[in-house]
N, C-alpha and C. Protein backbone atom coordinates (compact mmCIF):
# COMPACT_ATOMS: atom_id res chain seq x y z
N UNK A 1 -16.62 1.60 1.03
CA UNK A 1 -16.11 2.10 2.00
C UNK A 1 -15.18 1.08 2.44
N UNK A 2 -13.86 2.02 2.81
CA UNK A 2 -12.78 0.67 2.93
C UNK A 2 -13.04 1.39 4.78
N UNK A 3 -12.97 -0.46 5.54
CA UNK A 3 -13.11 -0.24 6.84
C UNK A 3 -11.83 -0.58 7.69
N UNK A 4 -11.18 0.62 8.63
CA UNK A 4 -10.42 0.40 9.60
C UNK A 4 -10.44 0.36 11.26
N UNK A 5 -9.76 -0.47 11.44
CA UNK A 5 -9.53 -0.21 13.12
C UNK A 5 -8.24 0.36 13.31
N UNK A 6 -8.05 0.90 14.50
CA UNK A 6 -6.99 1.47 14.81
C UNK A 6 -6.10 0.41 15.61
N UNK A 7 -4.43 0.41 15.39
CA UNK A 7 -3.64 -0.43 15.88
C UNK A 7 -3.82 -0.63 17.74
N UNK A 8 -3.31 -1.34 18.41
CA UNK A 8 -2.93 -0.92 19.75
C UNK A 8 -2.10 0.02 20.11
N UNK A 9 -2.08 1.10 20.88
CA UNK A 9 -1.21 2.00 21.03
C UNK A 9 0.05 1.40 21.34
N UNK A 10 0.18 0.38 22.20
CA UNK A 10 1.09 0.12 22.35
C UNK A 10 2.15 -0.78 20.55
N UNK A 11 1.49 -0.96 19.88
CA UNK A 11 2.01 -1.14 18.64
C UNK A 11 2.52 -0.16 17.89
N UNK A 12 1.83 1.39 18.26
CA UNK A 12 1.88 2.82 17.48
C UNK A 12 3.06 3.07 18.29
N UNK A 13 3.18 3.51 19.24
CA UNK A 13 4.72 3.58 20.36
C UNK A 13 5.82 2.94 19.58
N UNK A 14 5.40 1.58 19.54
CA UNK A 14 6.65 0.80 18.74
C UNK A 14 6.74 1.28 17.55
N UNK A 15 6.05 1.28 16.74
CA UNK A 15 6.49 1.61 15.19
C UNK A 15 6.98 2.75 15.19
N UNK A 16 7.01 4.00 16.34
CA UNK A 16 7.45 5.32 16.24
C UNK A 16 8.76 5.48 17.28
N UNK A 17 9.63 3.91 17.96
CA UNK A 17 10.45 4.35 18.96
C UNK A 17 11.66 5.14 18.39
N UNK A 18 12.04 4.72 17.16
CA UNK A 18 13.00 5.87 16.81
C UNK A 18 12.76 7.25 16.27
N UNK A 19 11.68 7.36 16.74
CA UNK A 19 11.10 9.32 16.02
C UNK A 19 10.95 9.70 17.02
N UNK A 20 11.16 11.01 17.45
CA UNK A 20 10.55 11.55 18.26
C UNK A 20 9.61 13.22 17.68
N UNK A 21 9.95 13.36 16.50
CA UNK A 21 9.29 14.90 15.71
C UNK A 21 8.24 14.00 14.66
N UNK A 22 6.75 13.71 15.08
CA UNK A 22 5.71 12.88 14.30
C UNK A 22 4.73 14.14 13.96
N UNK A 23 4.11 14.10 12.34
CA UNK A 23 3.21 14.61 12.27
C UNK A 23 2.00 13.60 11.67
N UNK A 24 0.81 14.00 11.44
CA UNK A 24 -0.49 13.27 11.84
C UNK A 24 -0.80 13.67 10.65
N UNK A 25 -1.77 12.06 9.98
CA UNK A 25 -2.20 12.96 8.54
C UNK A 25 -3.88 11.68 9.10
N UNK A 26 -4.52 12.56 8.61
CA UNK A 26 -6.02 11.68 9.01
C UNK A 26 -6.80 11.50 7.73
N UNK A 27 -7.94 11.03 7.74
CA UNK A 27 -8.88 10.59 6.74
C UNK A 27 -10.46 11.48 7.00
N UNK A 28 -10.59 12.01 5.82
CA UNK A 28 -12.10 12.95 5.84
C UNK A 28 -13.19 12.18 5.53
N UNK A 29 -12.71 10.89 4.63
CA UNK A 29 -14.21 10.08 4.15
C UNK A 29 -14.12 8.66 5.13
N UNK A 30 -13.43 8.00 4.62
CA UNK A 30 -13.85 6.07 5.31
C UNK A 30 -13.59 6.25 6.65
N UNK A 31 -11.78 6.72 6.68
CA UNK A 31 -11.65 6.50 8.74
C UNK A 31 -12.54 7.57 9.21
N UNK A 32 -13.03 8.78 8.86
CA UNK A 32 -13.67 9.56 9.37
C UNK A 32 -15.02 8.53 9.99
N UNK A 33 -15.63 8.37 9.17
CA UNK A 33 -17.25 7.48 9.38
C UNK A 33 -16.78 6.04 9.95
N UNK A 34 -15.77 5.54 9.90
CA UNK A 34 -15.50 4.51 10.78
C UNK A 34 -15.20 5.05 12.13
N UNK A 35 -14.95 6.11 12.39
CA UNK A 35 -14.03 6.72 13.72
C UNK A 35 -12.94 6.20 14.19
N UNK A 36 -12.30 5.95 13.05
CA UNK A 36 -10.72 5.81 13.14
C UNK A 36 -9.64 6.56 12.82
N UNK A 37 -10.11 7.72 12.36
CA UNK A 37 -9.11 8.41 10.89
C UNK A 37 -9.70 9.76 11.14
N UNK A 38 -10.71 10.10 11.95
CA UNK A 38 -11.56 11.56 11.73
C UNK A 38 -10.41 12.53 12.86
N UNK A 39 -10.84 13.82 12.55
CA UNK A 39 -10.52 15.04 13.75
C UNK A 39 -10.20 14.48 15.09
N UNK A 40 -11.46 14.01 15.79
CA UNK A 40 -11.27 13.40 17.13
C UNK A 40 -10.45 12.53 17.48
N UNK A 41 -10.51 11.61 16.66
CA UNK A 41 -8.97 10.37 16.73
C UNK A 41 -7.81 10.80 16.42
N UNK A 42 -7.62 11.79 15.62
CA UNK A 42 -6.32 12.67 15.32
C UNK A 42 -5.95 13.39 16.81
N UNK A 43 -6.55 14.04 16.95
CA UNK A 43 -6.63 14.91 18.10
C UNK A 43 -6.54 13.95 19.63
N UNK A 44 -6.75 12.90 19.40
CA UNK A 44 -7.00 12.14 20.81
C UNK A 44 -5.53 11.42 20.51
N UNK A 45 -5.46 10.93 19.38
CA UNK A 45 -4.11 10.43 19.32
C UNK A 45 -2.64 11.22 19.80
N UNK A 46 -3.04 12.25 19.12
CA UNK A 46 -1.75 13.49 19.41
C UNK A 46 -1.94 13.75 20.93
N UNK A 47 -2.76 13.73 21.63
CA UNK A 47 -2.66 13.72 23.09
C UNK A 47 -1.80 12.74 23.53
N UNK A 48 -2.37 11.28 23.09
CA UNK A 48 -1.98 10.30 24.05
C UNK A 48 -0.22 10.19 23.36
N UNK A 49 0.16 10.24 22.12
CA UNK A 49 1.63 10.44 21.64
C UNK A 49 2.40 11.83 22.50
N UNK A 50 1.86 12.76 22.79
CA UNK A 50 2.41 13.69 23.53
C UNK A 50 2.72 13.16 25.32
N UNK A 51 1.70 12.43 25.48
CA UNK A 51 2.12 11.86 27.01
C UNK A 51 3.23 11.10 27.28
N UNK A 52 3.38 10.49 25.72
CA UNK A 52 5.01 9.41 25.85
C UNK A 52 5.86 10.15 25.32
N UNK A 53 6.19 11.65 25.31
CA UNK A 53 7.16 12.46 25.24
C UNK A 53 7.30 12.97 23.72
N UNK A 54 6.51 12.05 22.95
CA UNK A 54 6.56 12.41 21.28
C UNK A 54 5.83 13.65 21.23
N UNK A 55 6.42 14.48 20.07
CA UNK A 55 6.23 16.03 19.51
C UNK A 55 5.68 15.84 18.40
N UNK A 56 4.53 16.44 18.36
CA UNK A 56 3.53 16.57 17.30
C UNK A 56 3.76 17.81 16.95
N UNK A 57 4.31 17.65 15.56
CA UNK A 57 4.61 18.93 14.32
C UNK A 57 3.34 19.86 13.95
N UNK A 58 2.85 18.77 13.66
CA UNK A 58 1.51 19.59 12.64
C UNK A 58 0.77 18.21 12.36
N UNK A 59 -0.64 18.63 12.19
CA UNK A 59 -1.00 17.34 11.45
C UNK A 59 -2.48 17.94 10.66
N UNK A 60 -3.00 16.98 9.41
CA UNK A 60 -3.64 17.31 8.64
C UNK A 60 -4.62 16.57 8.01
N UNK A 61 -5.72 16.50 7.78
CA UNK A 61 -6.86 15.69 7.35
C UNK A 61 -7.47 15.99 5.65
N UNK A 62 -6.84 15.26 5.07
CA UNK A 62 -7.14 15.36 3.71
C UNK A 62 -8.77 14.77 3.64
N UNK A 63 -9.60 15.30 2.69
CA UNK A 63 -10.73 14.81 2.20
C UNK A 63 -10.72 13.29 1.86
N UNK A 64 -9.65 13.05 1.10
CA UNK A 64 -9.56 11.44 0.76
C UNK A 64 -7.91 11.71 0.38
N UNK A 65 -7.18 10.94 1.55
CA UNK A 65 -5.81 11.06 1.59
C UNK A 65 -5.26 10.25 0.10
N UNK A 66 -6.43 8.85 -0.26
CA UNK A 66 -6.06 8.13 -1.24
C UNK A 66 -5.98 9.04 -2.65
N UNK A 67 -6.22 9.85 -2.62
CA UNK A 67 -6.03 11.21 -3.58
C UNK A 67 -5.05 11.88 -3.51
N UNK A 68 -3.89 11.59 -4.90
CA UNK A 68 -2.71 12.39 -5.07
C UNK A 68 -2.93 14.03 -4.44
N UNK A 69 -3.66 14.68 -5.31
CA UNK A 69 -3.99 16.14 -5.42
C UNK A 69 -4.58 16.38 -4.31
N UNK A 70 -5.29 15.41 -3.36
CA UNK A 70 -5.58 16.52 -1.83
C UNK A 70 -4.60 16.06 -0.82
N UNK A 71 -3.82 14.84 -1.00
CA UNK A 71 -2.24 15.09 -0.21
C UNK A 71 -1.26 16.49 -0.51
N UNK A 72 -1.29 16.17 -2.05
CA UNK A 72 -0.42 17.25 -2.35
C UNK A 72 -0.75 18.51 -1.96
N UNK A 73 -2.09 18.86 -1.73
CA UNK A 73 -2.85 20.27 -1.20
C UNK A 73 -2.64 20.64 0.54
N UNK A 74 -2.50 19.50 1.02
CA UNK A 74 -2.65 19.52 2.21
C UNK A 74 -1.01 19.72 2.95
N UNK A 75 0.01 19.01 1.95
CA UNK A 75 1.22 19.08 2.56
C UNK A 75 1.80 20.43 2.09
N UNK A 76 1.52 21.05 1.07
CA UNK A 76 2.10 22.48 0.52
C UNK A 76 1.73 23.29 1.80
N UNK A 77 0.36 23.17 2.26
CA UNK A 77 -0.26 24.30 3.66
C UNK A 77 0.99 23.63 4.99
N UNK A 78 1.39 22.65 5.00
CA UNK A 78 1.92 22.34 5.74
C UNK A 78 3.75 21.68 6.27
N UNK A 79 4.26 22.89 4.65
CA UNK A 79 5.55 22.20 4.45
C UNK A 79 6.45 22.82 5.72
N UNK A 80 6.10 23.72 6.13
CA UNK A 80 7.06 24.33 7.58
C UNK A 80 7.65 22.77 8.53
N UNK A 81 5.99 22.36 8.83
CA UNK A 81 5.95 21.45 10.15
C UNK A 81 6.42 19.99 9.25
N UNK A 82 6.03 19.79 8.07
CA UNK A 82 6.66 18.62 7.44
C UNK A 82 8.02 18.86 7.65
N UNK A 83 9.12 19.61 7.27
CA UNK A 83 10.09 19.92 7.11
C UNK A 83 10.96 19.59 8.67
N UNK A 84 10.27 19.67 10.18
CA UNK A 84 10.39 19.39 11.03
C UNK A 84 10.50 17.88 11.24
N UNK A 85 9.35 17.74 10.83
CA UNK A 85 8.76 16.02 11.21
C UNK A 85 10.10 15.03 10.96
N UNK A 86 10.00 14.05 11.74
CA UNK A 86 10.98 12.96 11.63
C UNK A 86 10.29 11.82 11.02
N UNK A 87 9.00 11.50 11.09
CA UNK A 87 8.57 10.57 10.58
C UNK A 87 6.72 10.73 10.67
N UNK A 88 5.70 10.39 9.65
CA UNK A 88 4.39 10.67 9.42
C UNK A 88 3.56 9.45 9.91
N UNK A 89 2.72 9.49 10.70
CA UNK A 89 1.78 8.56 11.44
C UNK A 89 0.30 8.78 10.46
N UNK A 90 -0.33 7.85 10.01
CA UNK A 90 -1.11 7.79 8.99
C UNK A 90 -2.19 7.20 9.38
N UNK A 91 -3.44 7.85 9.88
CA UNK A 91 -5.01 7.41 10.38
C UNK A 91 -5.72 7.55 8.97
N UNK A 92 -5.03 5.85 8.31
CA UNK A 92 -5.96 5.76 7.14
C UNK A 92 -5.69 4.69 6.55
N UNK A 93 -6.99 4.23 5.65
CA UNK A 93 -6.45 2.28 5.28
C UNK A 93 -4.81 2.55 4.75
N UNK A 94 -4.81 1.73 3.85
CA UNK A 94 -3.47 1.13 3.47
C UNK A 94 -3.32 1.97 1.96
N UNK A 95 -4.36 2.07 1.28
CA UNK A 95 -4.11 2.86 0.49
C UNK A 95 -3.96 4.02 0.46
N UNK A 96 -4.23 5.44 1.78
CA UNK A 96 -3.62 6.24 2.54
C UNK A 96 -2.60 6.58 2.86
N UNK A 97 -1.97 5.48 3.12
CA UNK A 97 -0.79 5.36 3.75
C UNK A 97 -0.08 5.30 2.73
N UNK A 98 -0.23 4.55 1.57
CA UNK A 98 0.70 4.55 0.44
C UNK A 98 0.44 6.25 -0.67
N UNK A 99 -0.73 6.52 -0.27
CA UNK A 99 -0.80 7.64 -1.13
C UNK A 99 0.05 8.63 -0.55
N UNK A 100 -0.04 8.90 0.69
CA UNK A 100 0.74 9.72 1.60
C UNK A 100 2.65 9.61 1.28
N UNK A 101 3.08 8.35 1.61
CA UNK A 101 4.36 7.91 0.93
C UNK A 101 4.44 8.45 -0.49
N UNK A 102 4.01 8.15 -1.75
CA UNK A 102 3.98 8.61 -2.94
C UNK A 102 4.08 10.13 -3.41
N UNK A 103 3.52 10.60 -2.15
CA UNK A 103 2.82 12.11 -2.84
C UNK A 103 3.99 12.89 -1.37
N UNK A 104 5.19 12.52 -0.38
CA UNK A 104 6.11 13.03 0.11
C UNK A 104 7.17 13.48 -0.53
N UNK A 105 7.28 14.64 -1.14
CA UNK A 105 8.49 14.67 -1.64
C UNK A 105 9.56 14.95 -0.64
N UNK A 106 9.59 15.08 1.00
CA UNK A 106 10.91 15.09 1.68
C UNK A 106 11.23 13.51 2.15
N UNK A 107 10.61 12.45 1.54
CA UNK A 107 10.42 11.08 1.88
C UNK A 107 10.90 10.77 3.37
N UNK A 108 9.67 10.81 4.23
CA UNK A 108 9.69 10.60 5.26
C UNK A 108 9.50 9.25 5.65
N UNK A 109 10.04 8.44 6.31
CA UNK A 109 8.94 7.19 7.41
C UNK A 109 7.85 7.39 7.19
N UNK A 110 7.10 6.60 6.63
CA UNK A 110 5.49 6.44 6.53
C UNK A 110 4.96 5.47 7.10
N UNK A 111 3.84 5.62 8.45
CA UNK A 111 3.92 4.76 9.19
C UNK A 111 2.38 4.77 9.11
N UNK A 112 1.73 3.27 9.35
CA UNK A 112 0.34 3.31 9.50
C UNK A 112 -0.04 3.50 10.80
N UNK A 113 -1.48 4.00 11.56
CA UNK A 113 -2.18 3.58 12.38
C UNK A 113 -3.42 2.88 12.71
N UNK A 114 -3.57 2.45 11.56
CA UNK A 114 -4.66 1.63 11.27
C UNK A 114 -4.12 0.10 10.82
N UNK A 115 -5.35 -0.98 11.07
CA UNK A 115 -5.00 -1.83 10.13
C UNK A 115 -5.98 -1.61 9.23
N UNK A 116 -6.23 -2.39 7.81
CA UNK A 116 -6.99 -2.02 6.82
C UNK A 116 -8.11 -3.65 6.88
N UNK A 117 -9.24 -3.23 6.93
CA UNK A 117 -10.03 -4.34 7.12
C UNK A 117 -10.82 -5.26 6.04
N UNK A 118 -11.83 -4.17 5.38
CA UNK A 118 -12.25 -4.68 4.12
C UNK A 118 -13.11 -3.72 3.98
N UNK A 119 -13.45 -4.05 2.46
CA UNK A 119 -14.47 -2.81 1.88
C UNK A 119 -15.83 -3.32 2.33
N UNK A 120 -16.66 -2.12 2.77
CA UNK A 120 -18.17 -2.57 2.97
C UNK A 120 -18.84 -1.41 2.96
N UNK A 121 -20.41 -1.83 2.80
CA UNK A 121 -21.53 -0.77 2.67
C UNK A 121 -22.05 -0.63 4.31
N UNK A 122 -22.70 0.88 4.44
CA UNK A 122 -23.20 0.75 5.64
C UNK A 122 -24.62 0.73 5.83
N UNK A 123 -25.48 0.38 6.79
CA UNK A 123 -26.73 0.90 6.65
C UNK A 123 -26.93 1.81 7.61
N UNK A 124 -28.40 1.99 7.75
CA UNK A 124 -28.84 3.18 8.31
C UNK A 124 -28.77 3.59 9.56
N UNK A 125 -28.35 2.07 10.25
CA UNK A 125 -27.76 2.38 11.76
C UNK A 125 -26.67 2.45 11.81
N UNK A 126 -25.66 2.77 11.07
CA UNK A 126 -24.19 3.13 11.01
C UNK A 126 -23.49 1.79 10.92
N UNK A 127 -24.38 0.39 11.11
CA UNK A 127 -22.96 -0.68 10.93
C UNK A 127 -22.88 -1.12 9.37
N UNK A 128 -21.52 -1.71 9.51
CA UNK A 128 -20.85 -1.88 7.76
C UNK A 128 -20.43 -3.31 7.72
N UNK A 129 -20.82 -3.24 6.14
CA UNK A 129 -20.92 -5.04 5.86
C UNK A 129 -20.00 -5.19 4.56
N UNK A 130 -19.27 -6.39 4.70
CA UNK A 130 -18.86 -6.49 3.88
C UNK A 130 -19.52 -7.27 2.76
N UNK A 131 -19.61 -6.95 1.65
CA UNK A 131 -20.45 -7.37 0.43
C UNK A 131 -19.79 -7.59 -0.86
N UNK A 132 -18.48 -7.12 -0.79
CA UNK A 132 -18.11 -7.17 -2.47
C UNK A 132 -16.62 -7.58 -2.20
N UNK A 133 -16.21 -8.54 -2.74
CA UNK A 133 -14.54 -9.12 -2.89
C UNK A 133 -13.96 -8.45 -4.03
N UNK A 134 -14.53 -7.76 -4.87
CA UNK A 134 -13.79 -6.94 -5.75
C UNK A 134 -12.98 -8.01 -6.82
N UNK A 135 -13.78 -8.73 -7.41
CA UNK A 135 -13.27 -9.93 -8.24
C UNK A 135 -13.10 -9.75 -9.24
N UNK A 136 -13.44 -8.70 -9.73
CA UNK A 136 -13.52 -8.70 -11.45
C UNK A 136 -14.07 -8.99 -12.39
N UNK A 137 -15.18 -10.38 -12.01
CA UNK A 137 -16.07 -10.57 -12.73
C UNK A 137 -17.13 -10.65 -11.94
N UNK A 138 -18.20 -9.78 -12.19
CA UNK A 138 -19.62 -9.44 -11.35
C UNK A 138 -20.62 -10.35 -12.15
N UNK A 139 -21.46 -10.57 -10.91
CA UNK A 139 -22.57 -12.23 -11.27
C UNK A 139 -23.58 -11.59 -10.61
N UNK A 140 -23.93 -10.15 -10.46
CA UNK A 140 -25.02 -9.43 -9.24
C UNK A 140 -26.13 -9.47 -10.43
N UNK A 141 -26.29 -9.46 -11.68
CA UNK A 141 -27.16 -9.55 -12.43
C UNK A 141 -27.59 -11.19 -12.85
N UNK A 142 -26.60 -12.19 -12.61
CA UNK A 142 -27.40 -13.38 -12.49
C UNK A 142 -27.83 -13.98 -11.14
N UNK A 143 -27.57 -13.10 -9.83
CA UNK A 143 -27.64 -13.68 -8.47
C UNK A 143 -28.32 -13.04 -7.81
N UNK A 144 -29.69 -12.14 -8.57
CA UNK A 144 -30.76 -10.89 -7.65
C UNK A 144 -29.83 -10.58 -6.81
N UNK A 145 -28.66 -9.25 -7.19
CA UNK A 145 -27.97 -8.34 -6.57
C UNK A 145 -27.02 -8.90 -5.40
N UNK A 146 -27.07 -10.69 -5.32
CA UNK A 146 -26.80 -11.08 -3.86
C UNK A 146 -25.10 -11.58 -4.14
N UNK A 147 -24.22 -11.31 -3.40
CA UNK A 147 -22.96 -11.52 -4.38
C UNK A 147 -22.71 -12.93 -3.61
N UNK A 148 -22.40 -14.19 -3.96
CA UNK A 148 -21.89 -15.14 -3.59
C UNK A 148 -20.71 -15.46 -3.00
N UNK A 149 -20.31 -15.02 -3.60
CA UNK A 149 -18.32 -14.84 -3.69
C UNK A 149 -17.90 -14.39 -2.26
N UNK A 150 -18.47 -13.33 -2.20
CA UNK A 150 -18.34 -12.25 -0.67
C UNK A 150 -19.32 -13.17 0.60
N UNK A 151 -20.69 -13.59 0.43
CA UNK A 151 -21.17 -13.94 1.33
C UNK A 151 -21.44 -15.60 1.34
N UNK A 152 -20.58 -16.18 0.70
CA UNK A 152 -21.00 -17.48 0.64
C UNK A 152 -19.68 -17.88 1.40
N UNK A 153 -19.19 -18.76 2.52
CA UNK A 153 -17.80 -18.95 2.76
C UNK A 153 -17.21 -19.99 2.19
N UNK A 154 -17.83 -20.43 1.21
CA UNK A 154 -17.05 -21.32 0.57
C UNK A 154 -16.66 -20.60 -1.17
N UNK A 155 -17.40 -19.63 -1.19
CA UNK A 155 -17.41 -18.38 -2.70
C UNK A 155 -18.00 -19.52 -3.85
N UNK A 156 -19.41 -20.09 -3.56
CA UNK A 156 -19.56 -20.68 -4.53
C UNK A 156 -20.63 -20.06 -5.62
N UNK A 157 -20.00 -20.23 -6.89
CA UNK A 157 -20.67 -20.06 -7.96
C UNK A 157 -22.11 -20.45 -8.18
N UNK A 158 -22.00 -21.66 -8.09
CA UNK A 158 -22.88 -23.05 -8.66
C UNK A 158 -23.96 -23.20 -6.99
N UNK A 159 -24.51 -23.02 -6.48
CA UNK A 159 -24.64 -23.15 -5.16
C UNK A 159 -26.26 -23.79 -4.98
N UNK A 160 -26.51 -24.44 -3.85
CA UNK A 160 -25.85 -24.04 -2.64
C UNK A 160 -25.52 -25.66 -2.55
N UNK A 161 -24.76 -25.71 -1.23
CA UNK A 161 -23.76 -26.55 -1.09
C UNK A 161 -24.31 -28.00 -0.61
N UNK A 162 -24.04 -29.05 -0.46
CA UNK A 162 -24.67 -30.33 0.28
C UNK A 162 -24.80 -29.85 1.57
N UNK A 163 -24.42 -29.02 2.45
CA UNK A 163 -24.46 -28.89 3.57
C UNK A 163 -25.48 -28.04 4.03
N UNK A 164 -25.92 -27.35 2.96
CA UNK A 164 -27.08 -26.00 3.64
C UNK A 164 -28.17 -27.20 4.20
N UNK A 165 -28.44 -26.77 5.41
CA UNK A 165 -29.86 -27.14 5.97
C UNK A 165 -30.77 -26.39 6.27
N UNK A 166 -32.11 -26.85 6.21
CA UNK A 166 -33.04 -25.59 6.26
C UNK A 166 -33.01 -23.88 6.06
N UNK A 167 -32.26 -24.01 4.76
CA UNK A 167 -31.94 -22.73 4.70
C UNK A 167 -30.44 -21.59 5.40
N UNK A 168 -29.91 -22.56 6.30
CA UNK A 168 -28.67 -21.84 7.21
C UNK A 168 -27.65 -22.78 6.20
N UNK A 169 -26.61 -22.04 6.89
CA UNK A 169 -25.25 -22.38 6.17
C UNK A 169 -24.47 -23.18 7.24
N UNK A 170 -24.14 -24.10 6.51
CA UNK A 170 -23.38 -25.21 7.45
C UNK A 170 -22.30 -24.65 8.53
N UNK A 171 -21.64 -23.66 7.84
CA UNK A 171 -20.46 -22.84 8.45
C UNK A 171 -20.90 -22.07 9.42
N UNK A 172 -21.91 -21.84 9.89
CA UNK A 172 -22.58 -20.67 10.83
C UNK A 172 -23.95 -20.76 10.63
N UNK A 173 -24.85 -21.91 11.60
CA UNK A 173 -25.99 -22.42 11.37
C UNK A 173 -26.75 -20.94 11.52
N UNK A 174 -26.25 -20.07 12.25
CA UNK A 174 -27.23 -18.46 12.68
C UNK A 174 -27.43 -17.68 11.29
N UNK A 175 -26.40 -18.22 10.13
CA UNK A 175 -26.65 -17.38 8.82
C UNK A 175 -27.44 -17.87 7.83
N UNK A 176 -28.22 -17.39 7.21
CA UNK A 176 -29.12 -17.85 6.38
C UNK A 176 -28.01 -18.09 5.08
N UNK A 177 -28.33 -19.53 4.42
CA UNK A 177 -27.44 -19.52 3.16
C UNK A 177 -27.47 -18.68 1.96
N UNK A 178 -26.85 -18.42 1.54
CA UNK A 178 -26.87 -16.89 0.47
C UNK A 178 -27.38 -17.61 -0.90
N UNK A 179 -27.16 -18.90 -1.19
CA UNK A 179 -28.06 -19.43 -2.29
C UNK A 179 -29.56 -20.03 -1.69
N UNK A 180 -29.80 -19.57 -0.91
CA UNK A 180 -31.40 -19.99 -0.32
C UNK A 180 -31.76 -18.49 -0.65
N UNK A 181 -31.19 -17.17 -0.09
CA UNK A 181 -31.71 -16.07 -0.42
C UNK A 181 -31.51 -15.34 -1.80
N UNK A 182 -30.37 -16.36 -2.63
CA UNK A 182 -30.79 -15.94 -4.02
C UNK A 182 -31.55 -16.41 -4.95
N UNK A 183 -32.18 -17.82 -4.19
CA UNK A 183 -33.15 -18.47 -4.19
C UNK A 183 -34.61 -17.33 -4.49
N UNK A 184 -34.90 -16.99 -3.08
CA UNK A 184 -35.85 -16.48 -2.80
C UNK A 184 -35.98 -15.33 -3.59
N UNK A 185 -35.16 -14.62 -3.68
CA UNK A 185 -34.81 -13.16 -4.66
C UNK A 185 -35.37 -13.22 -6.08
N UNK A 186 -34.49 -14.51 -6.91
CA UNK A 186 -35.10 -14.54 -8.10
C UNK A 186 -36.11 -14.67 -8.05
N UNK A 187 -36.95 -15.69 -7.27
CA UNK A 187 -38.31 -15.93 -7.50
C UNK A 187 -39.13 -15.18 -7.17
N UNK A 188 -38.84 -14.29 -6.08
CA UNK A 188 -39.78 -12.81 -6.25
C UNK A 188 -39.59 -12.02 -7.58
N UNK A 189 -38.37 -11.68 -8.16
CA UNK A 189 -38.95 -11.05 -9.20
C UNK A 189 -39.10 -11.70 -10.70
N UNK A 190 -39.27 -12.97 -10.13
CA UNK A 190 -39.68 -14.49 -11.49
C UNK A 190 -38.58 -14.30 -12.35
N UNK A 191 -37.65 -14.51 -12.03
CA UNK A 191 -36.53 -14.55 -12.64
C UNK A 191 -35.57 -16.38 -12.18
N UNK A 192 -36.26 -17.31 -11.78
CA UNK A 192 -35.93 -18.55 -11.67
C UNK A 192 -35.27 -19.16 -12.26
N UNK A 193 -35.54 -19.11 -13.86
CA UNK A 193 -34.38 -19.60 -14.82
C UNK A 193 -32.93 -19.15 -14.75
N UNK A 194 -32.58 -18.29 -13.99
CA UNK A 194 -31.25 -17.92 -13.93
C UNK A 194 -30.06 -18.97 -12.80
N UNK A 195 -31.04 -19.75 -12.10
CA UNK A 195 -30.30 -20.47 -10.97
C UNK A 195 -29.93 -21.73 -12.01
N UNK A 196 -30.52 -21.98 -13.25
CA UNK A 196 -30.31 -22.87 -14.08
C UNK A 196 -28.71 -22.50 -14.97
N UNK A 197 -28.45 -21.21 -14.95
CA UNK A 197 -27.45 -21.06 -15.64
C UNK A 197 -25.91 -21.29 -14.84
N UNK A 198 -25.21 -22.41 -15.48
CA UNK A 198 -24.40 -22.74 -14.80
C UNK A 198 -22.95 -22.01 -15.16
N UNK A 199 -22.31 -21.10 -14.40
CA UNK A 199 -21.06 -20.23 -13.99
C UNK A 199 -20.11 -21.02 -13.90
N UNK A 200 -19.31 -20.43 -14.80
CA UNK A 200 -18.06 -21.15 -15.33
C UNK A 200 -16.88 -20.66 -13.97
N UNK A 201 -15.97 -21.93 -14.12
CA UNK A 201 -14.95 -20.87 -12.66
C UNK A 201 -14.56 -19.74 -13.30
N UNK A 202 -14.02 -19.17 -12.39
CA UNK A 202 -13.71 -17.56 -12.46
C UNK A 202 -12.63 -17.83 -13.26
N UNK A 203 -12.17 -16.67 -13.84
CA UNK A 203 -10.77 -16.31 -14.21
C UNK A 203 -10.05 -15.55 -13.00
N UNK A 204 -9.08 -16.07 -12.35
CA UNK A 204 -8.53 -15.14 -11.75
C UNK A 204 -7.56 -14.34 -11.86
N UNK A 205 -7.24 -14.43 -13.10
CA UNK A 205 -6.15 -13.51 -13.36
C UNK A 205 -7.05 -12.18 -13.36
N UNK A 206 -8.21 -12.28 -13.35
CA UNK A 206 -8.83 -10.35 -13.17
C UNK A 206 -8.94 -10.27 -12.01
N UNK A 207 -8.28 -11.03 -10.96
CA UNK A 207 -8.17 -10.75 -9.67
C UNK A 207 -6.92 -10.58 -9.01
N UNK A 208 -5.63 -10.85 -9.97
CA UNK A 208 -4.36 -10.35 -10.01
C UNK A 208 -4.05 -9.37 -9.44
N UNK A 209 -3.21 -9.18 -8.66
CA UNK A 209 -2.75 -7.96 -8.17
C UNK A 209 -1.20 -7.96 -8.67
N UNK A 210 -0.72 -6.30 -8.65
CA UNK A 210 -1.54 -5.56 -8.24
C UNK A 210 -2.41 -5.17 -10.14
N UNK A 211 -3.32 -4.48 -9.44
CA UNK A 211 -4.50 -3.79 -10.35
C UNK A 211 -3.78 -2.40 -10.67
N UNK A 212 -4.12 -2.46 -12.10
CA UNK A 212 -3.80 -0.81 -12.45
C UNK A 212 -4.92 -0.12 -13.69
N UNK A 213 -5.21 0.93 -13.39
CA UNK A 213 -6.14 1.60 -14.43
C UNK A 213 -5.52 3.16 -15.14
N UNK A 214 -5.23 2.70 -16.38
CA UNK A 214 -4.71 4.05 -16.83
C UNK A 214 -5.79 4.79 -18.08
N UNK A 215 -5.47 5.87 -17.24
CA UNK A 215 -6.67 6.89 -17.80
C UNK A 215 -6.03 7.59 -19.12
N UNK A 216 -6.65 7.39 -19.98
CA UNK A 216 -6.07 8.02 -21.22
C UNK A 216 -6.99 8.94 -21.88
N UNK A 217 -6.19 9.87 -23.21
CA UNK A 217 -7.53 10.94 -23.41
C UNK A 217 -8.48 10.49 -24.66
N UNK A 218 -8.43 9.17 -24.98
CA UNK A 218 -9.47 8.66 -25.17
C UNK A 218 -10.54 8.29 -24.19
N UNK A 219 -9.90 7.45 -23.39
CA UNK A 219 -11.21 6.94 -21.89
C UNK A 219 -11.89 8.49 -21.50
N UNK A 220 -11.29 9.28 -21.52
CA UNK A 220 -11.91 10.55 -20.83
C UNK A 220 -13.07 10.81 -21.76
N UNK A 221 -13.12 10.90 -22.93
CA UNK A 221 -14.60 11.02 -23.79
C UNK A 221 -15.40 10.06 -24.16
């Protein structure tokens, strides 16, 4: 899940200073769950913008605006309103914003209403936790399902560092050292021998940006 936060309203208004007729796009997945771009947030922002003299010509909330097909479907339904619009304001992550831009054949200015924060898992209470850095070289099989790249402030592959004190992180004394957690998890699973496996430095070519994955006919079978 991609975690977002809404930009300050003053920032949004400033980004729209050259436009009066606005089309709003929300997100039916991540931003809805984060309560930053679902229907209630889109409707609330509509009212705030109208209070500032803006005209909202239409709105839509694709299930996943990062998917081209869903954006195209929603835009086809709202083409009349889009033709009236001077700009599109998107309440979605950066992926959604760029997908909207790529699939808007009218080539409107596309403006983000949200800041994209990080990828996370959500617990049963609805809290979000960053647990993966999308590094391209997963070591979870070695570290007991706990990611040291993300959860260690130093991203250590062969920990712990010398600053660990009584199982706590030297960077934040209120947090458990991730390598202490990894040790306990491997001990519980009788896999402590994995702690002796020295990991080579990461191949940062695999985390070089931008990534792409081309789907071929062979890969579909």
